[in-house]
Amino acid sequence: MPTSTYFLQECPTCGRRVEVRVEYLGRRVYCDHCNGRFVAEDPNGVESGSVAMSGRDLIARANRLLQAVEARQARTA
């Protein structure tokens, strides 16, 4: 059974860290604590106010993140 990969992003409304699924990069998500809505952003790249990534770029970045997680898991196995 495949498992989802998550990254942490700070909620801009309440400041709590929210677990966001990698496949939601570039989409609007919400904070479970305060219900604040925000766009899931790349944890290692795109900053607020910069040019938005295209869908193809987001998918490529998500695939690189997934490969990095798989490589890390293989090293610890």
N, C-alpha and C. Protein backbone atom coordinates (compact mmCIF):
# COMPACT_ATOMS: atom_id res chain seq x y z
N MET A 1 0.85 -1.17 0.00
CA MET A 1 0.00 0.00 0.00
C MET A 1 0.90 1.24 0.00
N PRO A 2 0.77 2.11 -0.99
CA PRO A 2 1.62 3.30 -1.05
C PRO A 2 1.28 4.27 0.08
N THR A 3 2.32 4.95 0.55
CA THR A 3 2.11 5.96 1.57
C THR A 3 2.35 7.33 0.98
N SER A 4 1.70 8.33 1.52
CA SER A 4 1.87 9.69 1.05
C SER A 4 3.09 10.31 1.70
N THR A 5 3.70 11.25 0.99
CA THR A 5 4.83 11.98 1.52
C THR A 5 4.36 13.39 1.85
N TYR A 6 4.79 13.88 2.99
CA TYR A 6 4.36 15.18 3.47
C TYR A 6 5.56 16.10 3.68
N PHE A 7 5.30 17.40 3.67
CA PHE A 7 6.28 18.38 4.11
C PHE A 7 5.56 19.31 5.07
N LEU A 8 6.31 20.01 5.88
CA LEU A 8 5.72 20.94 6.84
C LEU A 8 5.78 22.35 6.29
N GLN A 9 4.69 23.07 6.45
CA GLN A 9 4.62 24.47 6.06
C GLN A 9 3.91 25.23 7.16
N GLU A 10 4.42 26.40 7.47
CA GLU A 10 3.81 27.22 8.51
C GLU A 10 2.55 27.89 8.00
N CYS A 11 1.50 27.84 8.80
CA CYS A 11 0.26 28.52 8.45
C CYS A 11 0.49 30.02 8.58
N PRO A 12 0.20 30.80 7.54
CA PRO A 12 0.41 32.24 7.62
C PRO A 12 -0.57 32.95 8.56
N THR A 13 -1.65 32.27 8.94
CA THR A 13 -2.64 32.88 9.82
C THR A 13 -2.30 32.69 11.29
N CYS A 14 -2.04 31.44 11.70
CA CYS A 14 -1.81 31.17 13.12
C CYS A 14 -0.37 30.79 13.45
N GLY A 15 0.44 30.50 12.44
CA GLY A 15 1.84 30.17 12.69
C GLY A 15 2.12 28.72 13.01
N ARG A 16 1.09 27.91 13.10
CA ARG A 16 1.31 26.48 13.39
C ARG A 16 1.84 25.78 12.14
N ARG A 17 2.59 24.72 12.36
CA ARG A 17 3.10 23.94 11.23
C ARG A 17 2.03 22.95 10.78
N VAL A 18 1.82 22.92 9.47
CA VAL A 18 0.79 22.08 8.87
C VAL A 18 1.48 21.03 8.00
N GLU A 19 1.07 19.77 8.15
CA GLU A 19 1.56 18.71 7.26
C GLU A 19 0.80 18.81 5.95
N VAL A 20 1.54 18.97 4.85
CA VAL A 20 0.93 19.11 3.53
C VAL A 20 1.44 17.99 2.64
N ARG A 21 0.56 17.31 1.97
CA ARG A 21 0.97 16.25 1.05
C ARG A 21 1.69 16.86 -0.13
N VAL A 22 2.77 16.21 -0.58
CA VAL A 22 3.58 16.72 -1.68
C VAL A 22 2.73 16.94 -2.93
N GLU A 23 1.76 16.08 -3.16
CA GLU A 23 0.94 16.22 -4.36
C GLU A 23 0.04 17.46 -4.33
N TYR A 24 -0.03 18.16 -3.19
CA TYR A 24 -0.82 19.38 -3.09
C TYR A 24 -0.01 20.64 -3.35
N LEU A 25 1.28 20.51 -3.72
CA LEU A 25 2.09 21.68 -4.02
C LEU A 25 1.40 22.54 -5.07
N GLY A 26 1.33 23.84 -4.81
CA GLY A 26 0.71 24.77 -5.74
C GLY A 26 -0.80 24.90 -5.58
N ARG A 27 -1.39 24.09 -4.74
CA ARG A 27 -2.85 24.15 -4.52
C ARG A 27 -3.16 24.89 -3.23
N ARG A 28 -4.40 25.33 -3.13
CA ARG A 28 -4.86 25.96 -1.90
C ARG A 28 -5.18 24.87 -0.89
N VAL A 29 -4.66 25.02 0.32
CA VAL A 29 -4.90 24.08 1.41
C VAL A 29 -5.39 24.88 2.62
N TYR A 30 -5.75 24.20 3.69
CA TYR A 30 -6.20 24.92 4.88
C TYR A 30 -5.55 24.33 6.12
N CYS A 31 -5.46 25.16 7.15
CA CYS A 31 -4.91 24.77 8.43
C CYS A 31 -6.00 24.08 9.25
N ASP A 32 -5.69 22.90 9.78
CA ASP A 32 -6.67 22.18 10.60
C ASP A 32 -6.97 22.90 11.90
N HIS A 33 -6.03 23.72 12.37
CA HIS A 33 -6.22 24.40 13.65
C HIS A 33 -7.13 25.62 13.53
N CYS A 34 -6.77 26.55 12.60
CA CYS A 34 -7.51 27.83 12.53
C CYS A 34 -8.37 27.97 11.28
N ASN A 35 -8.29 26.98 10.38
CA ASN A 35 -9.03 27.00 9.12
C ASN A 35 -8.51 28.07 8.15
N GLY A 36 -7.33 28.63 8.42
CA GLY A 36 -6.73 29.60 7.50
C GLY A 36 -6.40 28.91 6.18
N ARG A 37 -6.60 29.61 5.08
CA ARG A 37 -6.34 29.05 3.76
C ARG A 37 -5.09 29.69 3.18
N PHE A 38 -4.28 28.86 2.51
CA PHE A 38 -3.05 29.34 1.90
C PHE A 38 -2.63 28.38 0.79
N VAL A 39 -1.67 28.80 -0.02
CA VAL A 39 -1.17 27.96 -1.11
C VAL A 39 0.00 27.14 -0.60
N ALA A 40 -0.02 25.84 -0.85
CA ALA A 40 1.08 24.96 -0.47
C ALA A 40 2.28 25.31 -1.36
N GLU A 41 3.39 25.70 -0.72
CA GLU A 41 4.56 26.13 -1.47
C GLU A 41 5.71 25.17 -1.28
N ASP A 42 6.57 25.13 -2.27
CA ASP A 42 7.77 24.30 -2.25
C ASP A 42 8.62 24.65 -1.04
N PRO A 43 8.90 23.69 -0.16
CA PRO A 43 9.66 24.00 1.05
C PRO A 43 11.12 24.35 0.79
N ASN A 44 11.63 24.08 -0.41
CA ASN A 44 13.04 24.33 -0.70
C ASN A 44 13.24 25.31 -1.86
N GLY A 45 12.23 26.06 -2.21
CA GLY A 45 12.42 26.88 -3.39
C GLY A 45 11.60 28.14 -3.44
N VAL A 46 10.46 28.05 -4.07
CA VAL A 46 9.66 29.23 -4.39
C VAL A 46 9.30 30.00 -3.15
N GLU A 47 9.62 31.29 -3.12
CA GLU A 47 9.27 32.16 -1.99
C GLU A 47 7.97 32.90 -2.29
N SER A 48 7.34 33.39 -1.26
CA SER A 48 6.13 34.17 -1.44
C SER A 48 6.44 35.38 -2.30
N GLY A 49 5.55 35.67 -3.23
CA GLY A 49 5.71 36.83 -4.07
C GLY A 49 6.53 36.58 -5.32
N SER A 50 7.16 35.42 -5.44
CA SER A 50 7.92 35.14 -6.65
C SER A 50 6.99 34.57 -7.70
N VAL A 51 7.50 34.40 -8.89
CA VAL A 51 6.68 33.91 -9.99
C VAL A 51 6.24 32.48 -9.68
N ALA A 52 4.97 32.20 -9.88
CA ALA A 52 4.42 30.88 -9.59
C ALA A 52 5.00 29.84 -10.54
N MET A 53 5.18 28.63 -10.04
CA MET A 53 5.69 27.54 -10.86
C MET A 53 4.57 26.99 -11.72
N SER A 54 4.93 26.49 -12.91
CA SER A 54 3.93 25.87 -13.76
C SER A 54 3.59 24.49 -13.21
N GLY A 55 2.50 23.93 -13.67
CA GLY A 55 2.11 22.60 -13.24
C GLY A 55 3.18 21.57 -13.52
N ARG A 56 3.82 21.67 -14.67
CA ARG A 56 4.88 20.73 -15.04
C ARG A 56 6.07 20.87 -14.08
N ASP A 57 6.42 22.11 -13.72
CA ASP A 57 7.52 22.33 -12.77
C ASP A 57 7.18 21.77 -11.39
N LEU A 58 5.93 21.94 -10.98
CA LEU A 58 5.50 21.41 -9.68
C LEU A 58 5.57 19.89 -9.65
N ILE A 59 5.15 19.26 -10.73
CA ILE A 59 5.20 17.80 -10.79
C ILE A 59 6.65 17.32 -10.77
N ALA A 60 7.52 18.00 -11.51
CA ALA A 60 8.94 17.63 -11.51
C ALA A 60 9.53 17.78 -10.12
N ARG A 61 9.21 18.87 -9.44
CA ARG A 61 9.72 19.09 -8.08
C ARG A 61 9.18 18.03 -7.12
N ALA A 62 7.90 17.70 -7.24
CA ALA A 62 7.30 16.67 -6.38
C ALA A 62 7.98 15.33 -6.63
N ASN A 63 8.27 15.00 -7.88
CA ASN A 63 8.96 13.75 -8.18
C ASN A 63 10.36 13.73 -7.58
N ARG A 64 11.08 14.86 -7.63
CA ARG A 64 12.42 14.92 -7.03
C ARG A 64 12.33 14.73 -5.52
N LEU A 65 11.33 15.33 -4.88
CA LEU A 65 11.15 15.15 -3.44
C LEU A 65 10.85 13.69 -3.11
N LEU A 66 10.00 13.07 -3.88
CA LEU A 66 9.67 11.66 -3.64
C LEU A 66 10.89 10.77 -3.82
N GLN A 67 11.71 11.05 -4.84
CA GLN A 67 12.92 10.26 -5.06
C GLN A 67 13.90 10.44 -3.90
N ALA A 68 14.01 11.65 -3.38
CA ALA A 68 14.90 11.90 -2.25
C ALA A 68 14.45 11.12 -1.02
N VAL A 69 13.14 11.08 -0.78
CA VAL A 69 12.60 10.33 0.36
C VAL A 69 12.85 8.84 0.17
N GLU A 70 12.62 8.33 -1.03
CA GLU A 70 12.85 6.91 -1.30
C GLU A 70 14.32 6.55 -1.11
N ALA A 71 15.22 7.41 -1.58
CA ALA A 71 16.66 7.16 -1.41
C ALA A 71 17.04 7.14 0.07
N ARG A 72 16.48 8.08 0.83
CA ARG A 72 16.75 8.14 2.27
C ARG A 72 16.23 6.88 2.96
N GLN A 73 15.06 6.42 2.58
CA GLN A 73 14.49 5.21 3.17
C GLN A 73 15.32 3.99 2.81
N ALA A 74 15.83 3.93 1.59
CA ALA A 74 16.66 2.79 1.15
C ALA A 74 17.96 2.74 1.94
N ARG A 75 18.53 3.91 2.27
CA ARG A 75 19.77 3.94 3.04
C ARG A 75 19.57 3.47 4.47
N THR A 76 18.38 3.70 5.03
CA THR A 76 18.13 3.32 6.42
C THR A 76 17.60 1.90 6.55
N ALA A 77 17.24 1.30 5.42
CA ALA A 77 16.67 -0.06 5.46
C ALA A 77 17.75 -1.12 5.57
